[in-house]
Amino acid sequence: MGFKDHFSDVAGAYRQYRPRYPQALFRELAARSPGVAWDSGCGSGQATEGLSRCFDHVYATDPSMAQVSAAPLFDNVTYLVASAEESTLSDGSVDLAIAAQAVHWFDLPAFEREVRRVVKPGGLVVLLGYGLFESTPQIDRIVREHYLTTLAPHWPKERLHIDRRYSDLTLAMPRLSLADFAMEASWSEEQKLS
């Protein structure tokens, strides 16, 4: 079965314009489960970069060669062109598996089987996502209206999982609560509207 490839054609722009996750998030994850991390569905490395600063080694997998090729290189990161459902990683080889803004594209039962195989006993599985950005009330209103009316009919159905903050996805694993982390960026008014 092929993967749902919505972003290979824009891998360079994806790398340039996607927001970065806060480093505090990766520090907290490393404090809870230090060692080796697996960034499944890594895209062009938005989470991989932060993980590389806090973990001894990071395996970053994505089925898109274009995305992996656009990712930044780090001494402690191994990129693999592989799916989240068939990572090619060894049994019990990672302490943390993370899917950042990606799990909604996966075959969830197959991903769960792969996680159970690859993550060490007692390791963590983290599903991250983010919603719409917030700016000024005027810009927020325009963005929400555009998102909910103009764009809504064109989004793949899996996008709804993000809007629901993954609350409708279930993995047969214990849940661990983390605080919300803010993703911050400084954009000009022109950048916000383009």
C-alpha atoms as a PDB file:
ATOM      1  CA  MET A   1       0.000   0.000   0.000  1.00  0.00           C
ATOM      2  CA  GLY A   2       1.408   3.419  -0.932  1.00  0.00           C
ATOM      3  CA  PHE A   3       1.628   6.257   1.529  1.00  0.00           C
ATOM      4  CA  LYS A   4      -0.480   9.392   1.322  1.00  0.00           C
ATOM      5  CA  ASP A   5       2.034  11.693  -0.307  1.00  0.00           C
ATOM      6  CA  HIS A   6       0.764  15.258  -0.017  1.00  0.00           C
ATOM      7  CA  PHE A   7       4.093  17.022   0.448  1.00  0.00           C
ATOM      8  CA  SER A   8       6.951  15.540  -1.630  1.00  0.00           C
ATOM      9  CA  ASP A   9       6.449  18.079  -4.413  1.00  0.00           C
ATOM     10  CA  VAL A  10       6.910  20.949  -1.945  1.00  0.00           C
ATOM     11  CA  ALA A  11       9.618  19.481   0.318  1.00  0.00           C
ATOM     12  CA  GLY A  12      11.851  22.569   0.144  1.00  0.00           C
ATOM     13  CA  ALA A  13       9.021  24.940   1.040  1.00  0.00           C
ATOM     14  CA  TYR A  14       7.852  22.482   3.698  1.00  0.00           C
ATOM     15  CA  ARG A  15      11.284  22.677   5.319  1.00  0.00           C
ATOM     16  CA  GLN A  16      11.408  26.465   5.075  1.00  0.00           C
ATOM     17  CA  TYR A  17       7.904  27.388   6.249  1.00  0.00           C
ATOM     18  CA  ARG A  18       6.789  24.747   8.728  1.00  0.00           C
ATOM     19  CA  PRO A  19       7.028  25.895  12.344  1.00  0.00           C
ATOM     20  CA  ARG A  20       9.651  24.529  14.734  1.00  0.00           C
ATOM     21  CA  TYR A  21       8.764  22.792  17.964  1.00  0.00           C
ATOM     22  CA  PRO A  22       9.909  24.357  21.252  1.00  0.00           C
ATOM     23  CA  GLN A  23      13.148  22.957  22.630  1.00  0.00           C
ATOM     24  CA  ALA A  24      11.562  22.714  26.099  1.00  0.00           C
ATOM     25  CA  LEU A  25       9.339  19.944  24.750  1.00  0.00           C
ATOM     26  CA  PHE A  26      12.310  17.817  23.689  1.00  0.00           C
ATOM     27  CA  ARG A  27      14.112  18.453  26.969  1.00  0.00           C
ATOM     28  CA  GLU A  28      11.054  17.182  28.846  1.00  0.00           C
ATOM     29  CA  LEU A  29      10.801  14.085  26.657  1.00  0.00           C
ATOM     30  CA  ALA A  30      14.513  13.340  27.106  1.00  0.00           C
ATOM     31  CA  ALA A  31      14.145  13.701  30.879  1.00  0.00           C
ATOM     32  CA  ARG A  32      11.343  11.113  30.836  1.00  0.00           C
ATOM     33  CA  SER A  33      12.921   8.694  28.364  1.00  0.00           C
ATOM     34  CA  PRO A  34      16.576   9.485  27.553  1.00  0.00           C
ATOM     35  CA  GLY A  35      18.687   7.687  24.994  1.00  0.00           C
ATOM     36  CA  VAL A  36      17.587   6.929  21.442  1.00  0.00           C
ATOM     37  CA  ALA A  37      14.608   8.512  19.691  1.00  0.00           C
ATOM     38  CA  TRP A  38      12.686   7.594  16.541  1.00  0.00           C
ATOM     39  CA  ASP A  39      11.029  10.434  14.623  1.00  0.00           C
ATOM     40  CA  SER A  40       8.433   8.590  12.544  1.00  0.00           C
ATOM     41  CA  GLY A  41       7.052  10.505   9.581  1.00  0.00           C
ATOM     42  CA  CYS A  42       9.876  13.010  10.045  1.00  0.00           C
ATOM     43  CA  GLY A  43       9.131  14.990   6.892  1.00  0.00           C
ATOM     44  CA  SER A  44      11.934  17.470   6.385  1.00  0.00           C
ATOM     45  CA  GLY A  45      13.096  17.303   9.990  1.00  0.00           C
ATOM     46  CA  GLN A  46      11.138  19.854  12.031  1.00  0.00           C
ATOM     47  CA  ALA A  47      11.084  17.592  15.126  1.00  0.00           C
ATOM     48  CA  THR A  48      14.296  15.770  14.208  1.00  0.00           C
ATOM     49  CA  GLU A  49      16.296  18.937  14.710  1.00  0.00           C
ATOM     50  CA  GLY A  50      15.035  19.435  18.280  1.00  0.00           C
ATOM     51  CA  LEU A  51      15.398  15.752  19.113  1.00  0.00           C
ATOM     52  CA  SER A  52      19.023  15.794  17.932  1.00  0.00           C
ATOM     53  CA  ARG A  53      19.888  18.298  20.654  1.00  0.00           C
ATOM     54  CA  CYS A  54      18.465  16.176  23.483  1.00  0.00           C
ATOM     55  CA  PHE A  55      18.936  12.515  22.537  1.00  0.00           C
ATOM     56  CA  ASP A  56      22.088  10.450  22.053  1.00  0.00           C
ATOM     57  CA  HIS A  57      20.886   9.262  18.666  1.00  0.00           C
ATOM     58  CA  VAL A  58      17.834   9.889  16.489  1.00  0.00           C
ATOM     59  CA  TYR A  59      16.441   7.678  13.750  1.00  0.00           C
ATOM     60  CA  ALA A  60      14.275   9.767  11.450  1.00  0.00           C
ATOM     61  CA  THR A  61      12.071   7.933   8.967  1.00  0.00           C
ATOM     62  CA  ASP A  62       9.789   9.131   6.218  1.00  0.00           C
ATOM     63  CA  PRO A  63       8.543   7.342   3.090  1.00  0.00           C
ATOM     64  CA  SER A  64       9.274  10.431   0.972  1.00  0.00           C
ATOM     65  CA  MET A  65      12.805  10.617  -0.438  1.00  0.00           C
ATOM     66  CA  ALA A  66      12.168  14.278  -1.301  1.00  0.00           C
ATOM     67  CA  GLN A  67      11.325  15.131   2.316  1.00  0.00           C
ATOM     68  CA  VAL A  68      14.288  13.227   3.765  1.00  0.00           C
ATOM     69  CA  SER A  69      16.595  14.887   1.223  1.00  0.00           C
ATOM     70  CA  ALA A  70      15.415  18.333   2.379  1.00  0.00           C
ATOM     71  CA  ALA A  71      16.126  17.577   6.057  1.00  0.00           C
ATOM     72  CA  PRO A  72      19.139  19.099   7.831  1.00  0.00           C
ATOM     73  CA  LEU A  73      22.079  16.838   8.651  1.00  0.00           C
ATOM     74  CA  PHE A  74      23.275  16.185  12.213  1.00  0.00           C
ATOM     75  CA  ASP A  75      26.052  13.885  13.426  1.00  0.00           C
ATOM     76  CA  ASN A  76      23.708  11.925  15.688  1.00  0.00           C
ATOM     77  CA  VAL A  77      20.814  11.503  13.217  1.00  0.00           C
ATOM     78  CA  THR A  78      20.281   8.611  10.827  1.00  0.00           C
ATOM     79  CA  TYR A  79      17.688   9.320   8.138  1.00  0.00           C
ATOM     80  CA  LEU A  80      15.924   6.392   6.511  1.00  0.00           C
ATOM     81  CA  VAL A  81      13.417   6.368   3.672  1.00  0.00           C
ATOM     82  CA  ALA A  82      10.903   4.082   5.348  1.00  0.00           C
ATOM     83  CA  SER A  83       7.312   4.193   6.494  1.00  0.00           C
ATOM     84  CA  ALA A  84       6.143   4.496  10.079  1.00  0.00           C
ATOM     85  CA  GLU A  85       4.465   1.127   9.687  1.00  0.00           C
ATOM     86  CA  GLU A  86       7.660  -0.624   8.461  1.00  0.00           C
ATOM     87  CA  SER A  87      10.540   1.409   9.870  1.00  0.00           C
ATOM     88  CA  THR A  88      13.359  -1.119   9.293  1.00  0.00           C
ATOM     89  CA  LEU A  89      14.578  -0.380  12.850  1.00  0.00           C
ATOM     90  CA  SER A  90      15.675  -3.250  15.087  1.00  0.00           C
ATOM     91  CA  ASP A  91      13.449  -4.749  17.765  1.00  0.00           C
ATOM     92  CA  GLY A  92      13.618  -2.806  21.034  1.00  0.00           C
ATOM     93  CA  SER A  93      16.045  -0.259  19.607  1.00  0.00           C
ATOM     94  CA  VAL A  94      14.541   3.075  20.736  1.00  0.00           C
ATOM     95  CA  ASP A  95      13.495   4.692  24.001  1.00  0.00           C
ATOM     96  CA  LEU A  96      11.094   7.170  22.423  1.00  0.00           C
ATOM     97  CA  ALA A  97       8.917   7.046  19.308  1.00  0.00           C
ATOM     98  CA  ILE A  98       7.469  10.345  18.215  1.00  0.00           C
ATOM     99  CA  ALA A  99       5.106  11.266  15.393  1.00  0.00           C
ATOM    100  CA  ALA A 100       5.043  15.038  15.009  1.00  0.00           C
ATOM    101  CA  GLN A 101       2.129  16.319  12.929  1.00  0.00           C
ATOM    102  CA  ALA A 102       2.157  12.976  11.106  1.00  0.00           C
ATOM    103  CA  VAL A 103       0.237  10.161  12.803  1.00  0.00           C
ATOM    104  CA  HIS A 104      -3.025  11.131  11.113  1.00  0.00           C
ATOM    105  CA  TRP A 105      -1.505   9.931   7.804  1.00  0.00           C
ATOM    106  CA  PHE A 106      -0.487   6.524   9.183  1.00  0.00           C
ATOM    107  CA  ASP A 107      -2.225   3.156   9.133  1.00  0.00           C
ATOM    108  CA  LEU A 108      -2.772   3.306  12.891  1.00  0.00           C
ATOM    109  CA  PRO A 109      -3.011  -0.452  13.677  1.00  0.00           C
ATOM    110  CA  ALA A 110       0.152  -1.140  11.651  1.00  0.00           C
ATOM    111  CA  PHE A 111       1.970   1.786  13.297  1.00  0.00           C
ATOM    112  CA  GLU A 112       0.986   0.531  16.741  1.00  0.00           C
ATOM    113  CA  ARG A 113       2.399  -2.924  15.921  1.00  0.00           C
ATOM    114  CA  GLU A 114       5.622  -1.310  14.722  1.00  0.00           C
ATOM    115  CA  VAL A 115       5.883   0.846  17.849  1.00  0.00           C
ATOM    116  CA  ARG A 116       5.415  -2.204  20.076  1.00  0.00           C
ATOM    117  CA  ARG A 117       8.206  -3.936  18.178  1.00  0.00           C
ATOM    118  CA  VAL A 118      10.693  -1.048  18.045  1.00  0.00           C
ATOM    119  CA  VAL A 119      10.228   0.766  21.384  1.00  0.00           C
ATOM    120  CA  LYS A 120      11.971  -0.701  24.425  1.00  0.00           C
ATOM    121  CA  PRO A 121       9.783  -1.818  27.347  1.00  0.00           C
ATOM    122  CA  GLY A 122       8.971   1.271  29.403  1.00  0.00           C
ATOM    123  CA  GLY A 123       9.710   3.605  26.483  1.00  0.00           C
ATOM    124  CA  LEU A 124       7.439   6.433  25.366  1.00  0.00           C
ATOM    125  CA  VAL A 125       5.256   6.978  22.318  1.00  0.00           C
ATOM    126  CA  VAL A 126       4.393  10.636  21.715  1.00  0.00           C
ATOM    127  CA  LEU A 127       1.897  11.978  19.194  1.00  0.00           C
ATOM    128  CA  LEU A 128       2.344  15.699  18.549  1.00  0.00           C
ATOM    129  CA  GLY A 129       0.243  18.097  16.571  1.00  0.00           C
ATOM    130  CA  TYR A 130      -0.441  21.791  16.302  1.00  0.00           C
ATOM    131  CA  GLY A 131      -3.377  23.870  15.190  1.00  0.00           C
ATOM    132  CA  LEU A 132      -3.839  27.293  13.682  1.00  0.00           C
ATOM    133  CA  PHE A 133      -1.538  30.083  14.714  1.00  0.00           C
ATOM    134  CA  GLU A 134      -2.727  32.999  16.801  1.00  0.00           C
ATOM    135  CA  SER A 135      -1.826  36.616  16.082  1.00  0.00           C
ATOM    136  CA  THR A 136      -4.099  39.613  16.429  1.00  0.00           C
ATOM    137  CA  PRO A 137      -7.883  39.223  16.765  1.00  0.00           C
ATOM    138  CA  GLN A 138      -8.374  40.667  13.271  1.00  0.00           C
ATOM    139  CA  ILE A 139      -5.881  38.296  11.615  1.00  0.00           C
ATOM    140  CA  ASP A 140      -7.101  35.331  13.692  1.00  0.00           C
ATOM    141  CA  ARG A 141     -10.669  35.934  12.450  1.00  0.00           C
ATOM    142  CA  ILE A 142      -9.516  36.039   8.804  1.00  0.00           C
ATOM    143  CA  VAL A 143      -7.397  32.896   9.181  1.00  0.00           C
ATOM    144  CA  ARG A 144     -10.192  30.928  10.927  1.00  0.00           C
ATOM    145  CA  GLU A 145     -12.749  31.988   8.321  1.00  0.00           C
ATOM    146  CA  HIS A 146     -10.441  31.040   5.465  1.00  0.00           C
ATOM    147  CA  TYR A 147      -9.553  27.732   7.123  1.00  0.00           C
ATOM    148  CA  LEU A 148     -13.134  26.761   8.028  1.00  0.00           C
ATOM    149  CA  THR A 149     -14.924  27.905   4.872  1.00  0.00           C
ATOM    150  CA  THR A 150     -12.592  28.323   1.911  1.00  0.00           C
ATOM    151  CA  LEU A 151     -10.128  25.527   2.610  1.00  0.00           C
ATOM    152  CA  ALA A 152     -12.238  23.033   4.580  1.00  0.00           C
ATOM    153  CA  PRO A 153     -13.726  21.227   1.562  1.00  0.00           C
ATOM    154  CA  HIS A 154     -10.236  20.712   0.123  1.00  0.00           C
ATOM    155  CA  TRP A 155      -8.487  19.205   3.156  1.00  0.00           C
ATOM    156  CA  PRO A 156      -7.943  15.445   3.182  1.00  0.00           C
ATOM    157  CA  LYS A 157     -10.275  13.826   5.720  1.00  0.00           C
ATOM    158  CA  GLU A 158      -7.324  12.900   7.949  1.00  0.00           C
ATOM    159  CA  ARG A 159      -6.811  16.604   8.726  1.00  0.00           C
ATOM    160  CA  LEU A 160      -9.801  16.406  11.089  1.00  0.00           C
ATOM    161  CA  HIS A 161      -7.673  14.390  13.535  1.00  0.00           C
ATOM    162  CA  ILE A 162      -5.456  17.453  13.984  1.00  0.00           C
ATOM    163  CA  ASP A 163      -8.475  19.700  14.566  1.00  0.00           C
ATOM    164  CA  ARG A 164      -9.636  17.220  17.217  1.00  0.00           C
ATOM    165  CA  ARG A 165      -6.165  17.215  18.813  1.00  0.00           C
ATOM    166  CA  TYR A 166      -5.906  13.471  18.153  1.00  0.00           C
ATOM    167  CA  SER A 167      -8.595  12.847  20.778  1.00  0.00           C
ATOM    168  CA  ASP A 168     -10.379  10.538  18.322  1.00  0.00           C
ATOM    169  CA  LEU A 169      -7.313   8.319  17.761  1.00  0.00           C
ATOM    170  CA  THR A 170      -6.815   5.405  20.091  1.00  0.00           C
ATOM    171  CA  LEU A 171      -3.740   3.361  20.767  1.00  0.00           C
ATOM    172  CA  ALA A 172      -3.930   0.453  23.197  1.00  0.00           C
ATOM    173  CA  MET A 173      -1.149   1.956  25.311  1.00  0.00           C
ATOM    174  CA  PRO A 174      -1.030   3.847  28.597  1.00  0.00           C
ATOM    175  CA  ARG A 175      -1.569   7.581  28.279  1.00  0.00           C
ATOM    176  CA  LEU A 176       0.792  10.158  29.687  1.00  0.00           C
ATOM    177  CA  SER A 177      -0.219  13.778  29.899  1.00  0.00           C
ATOM    178  CA  LEU A 178       2.133  16.561  28.936  1.00  0.00           C
ATOM    179  CA  ALA A 179       1.507  20.251  29.276  1.00  0.00           C
ATOM    180  CA  ASP A 180       0.753  22.198  26.121  1.00  0.00           C
ATOM    181  CA  PHE A 181       3.844  23.836  24.680  1.00  0.00           C
ATOM    182  CA  ALA A 182       3.689  27.101  22.748  1.00  0.00           C
ATOM    183  CA  MET A 183       5.315  27.318  19.343  1.00  0.00           C
ATOM    184  CA  GLU A 184       6.476  30.878  18.851  1.00  0.00           C
ATOM    185  CA  ALA A 185       7.672  32.684  15.741  1.00  0.00           C
ATOM    186  CA  SER A 186       8.187  36.309  14.758  1.00  0.00           C
ATOM    187  CA  TRP A 187       6.473  37.075  11.464  1.00  0.00           C
ATOM    188  CA  SER A 188       5.849  40.387   9.742  1.00  0.00           C
ATOM    189  CA  GLU A 189       2.277  41.257   8.821  1.00  0.00           C
ATOM    190  CA  GLU A 190       3.145  40.452   5.201  1.00  0.00           C
ATOM    191  CA  GLN A 191       4.401  36.963   6.158  1.00  0.00           C
ATOM    192  CA  LYS A 192       1.252  36.271   8.165  1.00  0.00           C
ATOM    193  CA  LEU A 193      -0.970  37.156   5.236  1.00  0.00           C
ATOM    194  CA  SER A 194       1.000  35.484   2.447  1.00  0.00           C
END
